Amino acid sequence: MARWAHGAVGRVTTWPDPDVYVLVEGVLLRALPEAPGLLPGAAAEVRADPSTGRLLVRPAPQGPA
């Protein structure tokens, strides 16, 4: 699952501390936030952390304006 999710962009659905749940292509993923401030509905990028075996999430990169 981590390989499939690496680099995927989804939407934050909820954030029960310390985890964040992100909906990606109909799959709800549990991840750790890289930084605080991800609110529900925010676009987020998921990546796999091989050192911990966990998924991490950060704000999705913004496209060109």
PDB file of N, CA and C in Angstrom:
ATOM      1  N   MET A   1       0.828  -1.191   0.000  1.00  0.00           N
ATOM      2  CA  MET A   1       0.000   0.000   0.000  1.00  0.00           C
ATOM      3  C   MET A   1       0.870   1.252   0.000  1.00  0.00           C
ATOM      4  N   ALA A   2       1.968   1.222   0.739  1.00  0.00           N
ATOM      5  CA  ALA A   2       2.838   2.396   0.814  1.00  0.00           C
ATOM      6  C   ALA A   2       3.395   2.758  -0.558  1.00  0.00           C
ATOM      7  N   ARG A   3       3.776   1.766  -1.353  1.00  0.00           N
ATOM      8  CA  ARG A   3       4.296   2.050  -2.699  1.00  0.00           C
ATOM      9  C   ARG A   3       3.215   2.679  -3.568  1.00  0.00           C
ATOM     10  N   TRP A   4       2.003   2.156  -3.480  1.00  0.00           N
ATOM     11  CA  TRP A   4       0.903   2.690  -4.271  1.00  0.00           C
ATOM     12  C   TRP A   4       0.615   4.138  -3.884  1.00  0.00           C
ATOM     13  N   ALA A   5       0.665   4.436  -2.613  1.00  0.00           N
ATOM     14  CA  ALA A   5       0.290   5.760  -2.118  1.00  0.00           C
ATOM     15  C   ALA A   5       1.392   6.801  -2.293  1.00  0.00           C
ATOM     16  N   HIS A   6       2.647   6.392  -2.428  1.00  0.00           N
ATOM     17  CA  HIS A   6       3.768   7.335  -2.483  1.00  0.00           C
ATOM     18  C   HIS A   6       3.568   8.336  -3.623  1.00  0.00           C
ATOM     19  N   GLY A   7       3.506   9.607  -3.267  1.00  0.00           N
ATOM     20  CA  GLY A   7       3.346  10.675  -4.241  1.00  0.00           C
ATOM     21  C   GLY A   7       1.910  10.981  -4.617  1.00  0.00           C
ATOM     22  N   ALA A   8       0.953  10.222  -4.089  1.00  0.00           N
ATOM     23  CA  ALA A   8      -0.459  10.440  -4.419  1.00  0.00           C
ATOM     24  C   ALA A   8      -0.977  11.695  -3.715  1.00  0.00           C
ATOM     25  N   VAL A   9      -1.897  12.364  -4.370  1.00  0.00           N
ATOM     26  CA  VAL A   9      -2.523  13.550  -3.792  1.00  0.00           C
ATOM     27  C   VAL A   9      -3.967  13.216  -3.464  1.00  0.00           C
ATOM     28  N   GLY A  10      -4.393  13.610  -2.275  1.00  0.00           N
ATOM     29  CA  GLY A  10      -5.761  13.367  -1.840  1.00  0.00           C
ATOM     30  C   GLY A  10      -6.262  14.515  -0.996  1.00  0.00           C
ATOM     31  N   ARG A  11      -7.322  14.265  -0.252  1.00  0.00           N
ATOM     32  CA  ARG A  11      -7.928  15.278   0.624  1.00  0.00           C
ATOM     33  C   ARG A  11      -7.918  14.800   2.058  1.00  0.00           C
ATOM     34  N   VAL A  12      -7.552  15.701   2.961  1.00  0.00           N
ATOM     35  CA  VAL A  12      -7.586  15.397   4.391  1.00  0.00           C
ATOM     36  C   VAL A  12      -9.044  15.274   4.803  1.00  0.00           C
ATOM     37  N   THR A  13      -9.374  14.198   5.524  1.00  0.00           N
ATOM     38  CA  THR A  13     -10.752  14.026   5.980  1.00  0.00           C
ATOM     39  C   THR A  13     -10.889  14.313   7.472  1.00  0.00           C
ATOM     40  N   THR A  14      -9.915  13.908   8.260  1.00  0.00           N
ATOM     41  CA  THR A  14      -9.957  14.131   9.702  1.00  0.00           C
ATOM     42  C   THR A  14      -8.546  14.016  10.260  1.00  0.00           C
ATOM     43  N   TRP A  15      -8.360  14.467  11.467  1.00  0.00           N
ATOM     44  CA  TRP A  15      -7.023  14.474  12.042  1.00  0.00           C
ATOM     45  C   TRP A  15      -7.026  14.153  13.532  1.00  0.00           C
ATOM     46  N   PRO A  16      -7.391  12.939  13.921  1.00  0.00           N
ATOM     47  CA  PRO A  16      -7.293  12.616  15.354  1.00  0.00           C
ATOM     48  C   PRO A  16      -5.817  12.517  15.741  1.00  0.00           C
ATOM     49  N   ASP A  17      -5.394  13.419  16.545  1.00  0.00           N
ATOM     50  CA  ASP A  17      -3.991  13.546  16.920  1.00  0.00           C
ATOM     51  C   ASP A  17      -3.399  12.218  17.362  1.00  0.00           C
ATOM     52  N   PRO A  18      -2.265  11.766  16.930  1.00  0.00           N
ATOM     53  CA  PRO A  18      -1.310  12.437  16.054  1.00  0.00           C
ATOM     54  C   PRO A  18      -1.488  12.084  14.583  1.00  0.00           C
ATOM     55  N   ASP A  19      -2.495  11.311  14.216  1.00  0.00           N
ATOM     56  CA  ASP A  19      -2.637  10.860  12.840  1.00  0.00           C
ATOM     57  C   ASP A  19      -3.503  11.792  12.003  1.00  0.00           C
ATOM     58  N   VAL A  20      -3.351  11.634  10.681  1.00  0.00           N
ATOM     59  CA  VAL A  20      -4.182  12.339   9.714  1.00  0.00           C
ATOM     60  C   VAL A  20      -4.745  11.271   8.787  1.00  0.00           C
ATOM     61  N   TYR A  21      -6.007  11.375   8.442  1.00  0.00           N
ATOM     62  CA  TYR A  21      -6.606  10.448   7.491  1.00  0.00           C
ATOM     63  C   TYR A  21      -6.823  11.188   6.174  1.00  0.00           C
ATOM     64  N   VAL A  22      -6.314  10.598   5.089  1.00  0.00           N
ATOM     65  CA  VAL A  22      -6.352  11.226   3.774  1.00  0.00           C
ATOM     66  C   VAL A  22      -7.095  10.295   2.816  1.00  0.00           C
ATOM     67  N   LEU A  23      -8.041  10.841   2.079  1.00  0.00           N
ATOM     68  CA  LEU A  23      -8.791  10.070   1.098  1.00  0.00           C
ATOM     69  C   LEU A  23      -8.114  10.212  -0.257  1.00  0.00           C
ATOM     70  N   VAL A  24      -7.607   9.080  -0.793  1.00  0.00           N
ATOM     71  CA  VAL A  24      -6.914   9.052  -2.080  1.00  0.00           C
ATOM     72  C   VAL A  24      -7.603   8.011  -2.957  1.00  0.00           C
ATOM     73  N   GLU A  25      -8.198   8.446  -4.051  1.00  0.00           N
ATOM     74  CA  GLU A  25      -8.854   7.549  -5.007  1.00  0.00           C
ATOM     75  C   GLU A  25      -9.801   6.558  -4.318  1.00  0.00           C
ATOM     76  N   GLY A  26     -10.576   7.035  -3.361  1.00  0.00           N
ATOM     77  CA  GLY A  26     -11.552   6.212  -2.673  1.00  0.00           C
ATOM     78  C   GLY A  26     -10.997   5.347  -1.551  1.00  0.00           C
ATOM     79  N   VAL A  27      -9.706   5.474  -1.261  1.00  0.00           N
ATOM     80  CA  VAL A  27      -9.070   4.697  -0.194  1.00  0.00           C
ATOM     81  C   VAL A  27      -8.688   5.652   0.938  1.00  0.00           C
ATOM     82  N   LEU A  28      -9.087   5.316   2.151  1.00  0.00           N
ATOM     83  CA  LEU A  28      -8.769   6.138   3.320  1.00  0.00           C
ATOM     84  C   LEU A  28      -7.439   5.665   3.905  1.00  0.00           C
ATOM     85  N   LEU A  29      -6.447   6.550   3.907  1.00  0.00           N
ATOM     86  CA  LEU A  29      -5.105   6.218   4.378  1.00  0.00           C
ATOM     87  C   LEU A  29      -4.807   6.920   5.693  1.00  0.00           C
ATOM     88  N   ARG A  30      -4.175   6.202   6.600  1.00  0.00           N
ATOM     89  CA  ARG A  30      -3.749   6.763   7.886  1.00  0.00           C
ATOM     90  C   ARG A  30      -2.282   7.148   7.756  1.00  0.00           C
ATOM     91  N   ALA A  31      -1.956   8.387   8.110  1.00  0.00           N
ATOM     92  CA  ALA A  31      -0.590   8.881   7.952  1.00  0.00           C
ATOM     93  C   ALA A  31      -0.234   9.818   9.100  1.00  0.00           C
ATOM     94  N   LEU A  32       1.042  10.112   9.195  1.00  0.00           N
ATOM     95  CA  LEU A  32       1.531  11.094  10.159  1.00  0.00           C
ATOM     96  C   LEU A  32       1.788  12.405   9.437  1.00  0.00           C
ATOM     97  N   PRO A  33       1.358  13.532   9.994  1.00  0.00           N
ATOM     98  CA  PRO A  33       1.624  14.811   9.334  1.00  0.00           C
ATOM     99  C   PRO A  33       3.090  15.206   9.483  1.00  0.00           C
ATOM    100  N   GLU A  34       3.662  15.768   8.409  1.00  0.00           N
ATOM    101  CA  GLU A  34       5.026  16.286   8.475  1.00  0.00           C
ATOM    102  C   GLU A  34       5.058  17.628   9.183  1.00  0.00           C
ATOM    103  N   ALA A  35       3.962  18.366   9.093  1.00  0.00           N
ATOM    104  CA  ALA A  35       3.873  19.681   9.726  1.00  0.00           C
ATOM    105  C   ALA A  35       2.431  19.905  10.162  1.00  0.00           C
ATOM    106  N   PRO A  36       2.218  20.695  11.201  1.00  0.00           N
ATOM    107  CA  PRO A  36       0.846  20.980  11.638  1.00  0.00           C
ATOM    108  C   PRO A  36       0.130  21.887  10.639  1.00  0.00           C
ATOM    109  N   GLY A  37      -1.175  21.950  10.759  1.00  0.00           N
ATOM    110  CA  GLY A  37      -1.935  22.899   9.970  1.00  0.00           C
ATOM    111  C   GLY A  37      -2.710  22.302   8.808  1.00  0.00           C
ATOM    112  N   LEU A  38      -2.757  20.991   8.675  1.00  0.00           N
ATOM    113  CA  LEU A  38      -3.562  20.380   7.618  1.00  0.00           C
ATOM    114  C   LEU A  38      -5.008  20.296   8.091  1.00  0.00           C
ATOM    115  N   LEU A  39      -5.860  21.069   7.487  1.00  0.00           N
ATOM    116  CA  LEU A  39      -7.263  21.110   7.878  1.00  0.00           C
ATOM    117  C   LEU A  39      -8.090  20.179   7.008  1.00  0.00           C
ATOM    118  N   PRO A  40      -9.239  19.716   7.496  1.00  0.00           N
ATOM    119  CA  PRO A  40     -10.106  18.873   6.674  1.00  0.00           C
ATOM    120  C   PRO A  40     -10.441  19.568   5.356  1.00  0.00           C
ATOM    121  N   GLY A  41     -10.389  18.806   4.283  1.00  0.00           N
ATOM    122  CA  GLY A  41     -10.665  19.337   2.955  1.00  0.00           C
ATOM    123  C   GLY A  41      -9.427  19.831   2.229  1.00  0.00           C
ATOM    124  N   ALA A  42      -8.324  19.985   2.934  1.00  0.00           N
ATOM    125  CA  ALA A  42      -7.096  20.480   2.312  1.00  0.00           C
ATOM    126  C   ALA A  42      -6.489  19.409   1.417  1.00  0.00           C
ATOM    127  N   ALA A  43      -5.931  19.838   0.290  1.00  0.00           N
ATOM    128  CA  ALA A  43      -5.209  18.917  -0.583  1.00  0.00           C
ATOM    129  C   ALA A  43      -3.910  18.528   0.105  1.00  0.00           C
ATOM    130  N   ALA A  44      -3.595  17.241   0.066  1.00  0.00           N
ATOM    131  CA  ALA A  44      -2.409  16.752   0.755  1.00  0.00           C
ATOM    132  C   ALA A  44      -1.705  15.704  -0.098  1.00  0.00           C
ATOM    133  N   GLU A  45      -0.390  15.661   0.004  1.00  0.00           N
ATOM    134  CA  GLU A  45       0.418  14.677  -0.710  1.00  0.00           C
ATOM    135  C   GLU A  45       0.905  13.629   0.280  1.00  0.00           C
ATOM    136  N   VAL A  46       0.758  12.375  -0.087  1.00  0.00           N
ATOM    137  CA  VAL A  46       1.171  11.260   0.765  1.00  0.00           C
ATOM    138  C   VAL A  46       2.508  10.739   0.248  1.00  0.00           C
ATOM    139  N   ARG A  47       3.388  10.376   1.166  1.00  0.00           N
ATOM    140  CA  ARG A  47       4.640   9.745   0.758  1.00  0.00           C
ATOM    141  C   ARG A  47       5.001   8.663   1.759  1.00  0.00           C
ATOM    142  N   ALA A  48       5.711   7.679   1.266  1.00  0.00           N
ATOM    143  CA  ALA A  48       6.141   6.563   2.112  1.00  0.00           C
ATOM    144  C   ALA A  48       7.480   6.902   2.739  1.00  0.00           C
ATOM    145  N   ASP A  49       7.633   6.611   4.015  1.00  0.00           N
ATOM    146  CA  ASP A  49       8.900   6.805   4.716  1.00  0.00           C
ATOM    147  C   ASP A  49       9.500   5.426   4.979  1.00  0.00           C
ATOM    148  N   PRO A  50      10.503   5.028   4.194  1.00  0.00           N
ATOM    149  CA  PRO A  50      11.052   3.682   4.351  1.00  0.00           C
ATOM    150  C   PRO A  50      11.739   3.449   5.694  1.00  0.00           C
ATOM    151  N   SER A  51      12.217   4.505   6.329  1.00  0.00           N
ATOM    152  CA  SER A  51      12.914   4.326   7.613  1.00  0.00           C
ATOM    153  C   SER A  51      11.959   3.936   8.741  1.00  0.00           C
ATOM    154  N   THR A  52      10.703   4.398   8.673  1.00  0.00           N
ATOM    155  CA  THR A  52       9.734   4.069   9.719  1.00  0.00           C
ATOM    156  C   THR A  52       8.664   3.091   9.248  1.00  0.00           C
ATOM    157  N   GLY A  53       8.540   2.933   7.928  1.00  0.00           N
ATOM    158  CA  GLY A  53       7.492   2.078   7.391  1.00  0.00           C
ATOM    159  C   GLY A  53       6.115   2.705   7.456  1.00  0.00           C
ATOM    160  N   ARG A  54       6.052   3.993   7.714  1.00  0.00           N
ATOM    161  CA  ARG A  54       4.766   4.708   7.832  1.00  0.00           C
ATOM    162  C   ARG A  54       4.554   5.613   6.628  1.00  0.00           C
ATOM    163  N   LEU A  55       3.318   6.033   6.466  1.00  0.00           N
ATOM    164  CA  LEU A  55       3.003   7.045   5.471  1.00  0.00           C
ATOM    165  C   LEU A  55       3.074   8.411   6.140  1.00  0.00           C
ATOM    166  N   LEU A  56       3.611   9.376   5.426  1.00  0.00           N
ATOM    167  CA  LEU A  56       3.666  10.757   5.895  1.00  0.00           C
ATOM    168  C   LEU A  56       2.823  11.599   4.956  1.00  0.00           C
ATOM    169  N   VAL A  57       2.298  12.685   5.460  1.00  0.00           N
ATOM    170  CA  VAL A  57       1.470  13.564   4.643  1.00  0.00           C
ATOM    171  C   VAL A  57       1.918  15.002   4.832  1.00  0.00           C
ATOM    172  N   ARG A  58       1.861  15.758   3.736  1.00  0.00           N
ATOM    173  CA  ARG A  58       2.224  17.183   3.760  1.00  0.00           C
ATOM    174  C   ARG A  58       1.286  17.916   2.804  1.00  0.00           C
ATOM    175  N   PRO A  59       1.223  19.237   2.910  1.00  0.00           N
ATOM    176  CA  PRO A  59       0.366  19.976   1.973  1.00  0.00           C
ATOM    177  C   PRO A  59       0.772  19.662   0.535  1.00  0.00           C
ATOM    178  N   ALA A  60      -0.217  19.528  -0.336  1.00  0.00           N
ATOM    179  CA  ALA A  60       0.058  19.227  -1.736  1.00  0.00           C
ATOM    180  C   ALA A  60       0.727  20.430  -2.388  1.00  0.00           C
ATOM    181  N   PRO A  61       1.674  20.165  -3.289  1.00  0.00           N
ATOM    182  CA  PRO A  61       2.304  21.284  -3.997  1.00  0.00           C
ATOM    183  C   PRO A  61       1.275  22.022  -4.850  1.00  0.00           C
ATOM    184  N   GLN A  62       1.427  23.302  -4.918  1.00  0.00           N
ATOM    185  CA  GLN A  62       0.511  24.130  -5.702  1.00  0.00           C
ATOM    186  C   GLN A  62       0.978  24.155  -7.152  1.00  0.00           C
ATOM    187  N   GLY A  63       0.047  24.011  -8.067  1.00  0.00           N
ATOM    188  CA  GLY A  63       0.363  24.086  -9.487  1.00  0.00           C
ATOM    189  C   GLY A  63       0.581  25.529  -9.901  1.00  0.00           C
ATOM    190  N   PRO A  64       0.968  25.756 -11.147  1.00  0.00           N
ATOM    191  CA  PRO A  64       1.165  27.129 -11.622  1.00  0.00           C
ATOM    192  C   PRO A  64      -0.146  27.911 -11.616  1.00  0.00           C
ATOM    193  N   ALA A  65      -0.046  29.170 -11.299  1.00  0.00           N
ATOM    194  CA  ALA A  65      -1.249  30.015 -11.196  1.00  0.00           C
ATOM    195  C   ALA A  65      -1.768  30.427 -12.540  1.00  0.00           C
TER     196      ALA A  65
END
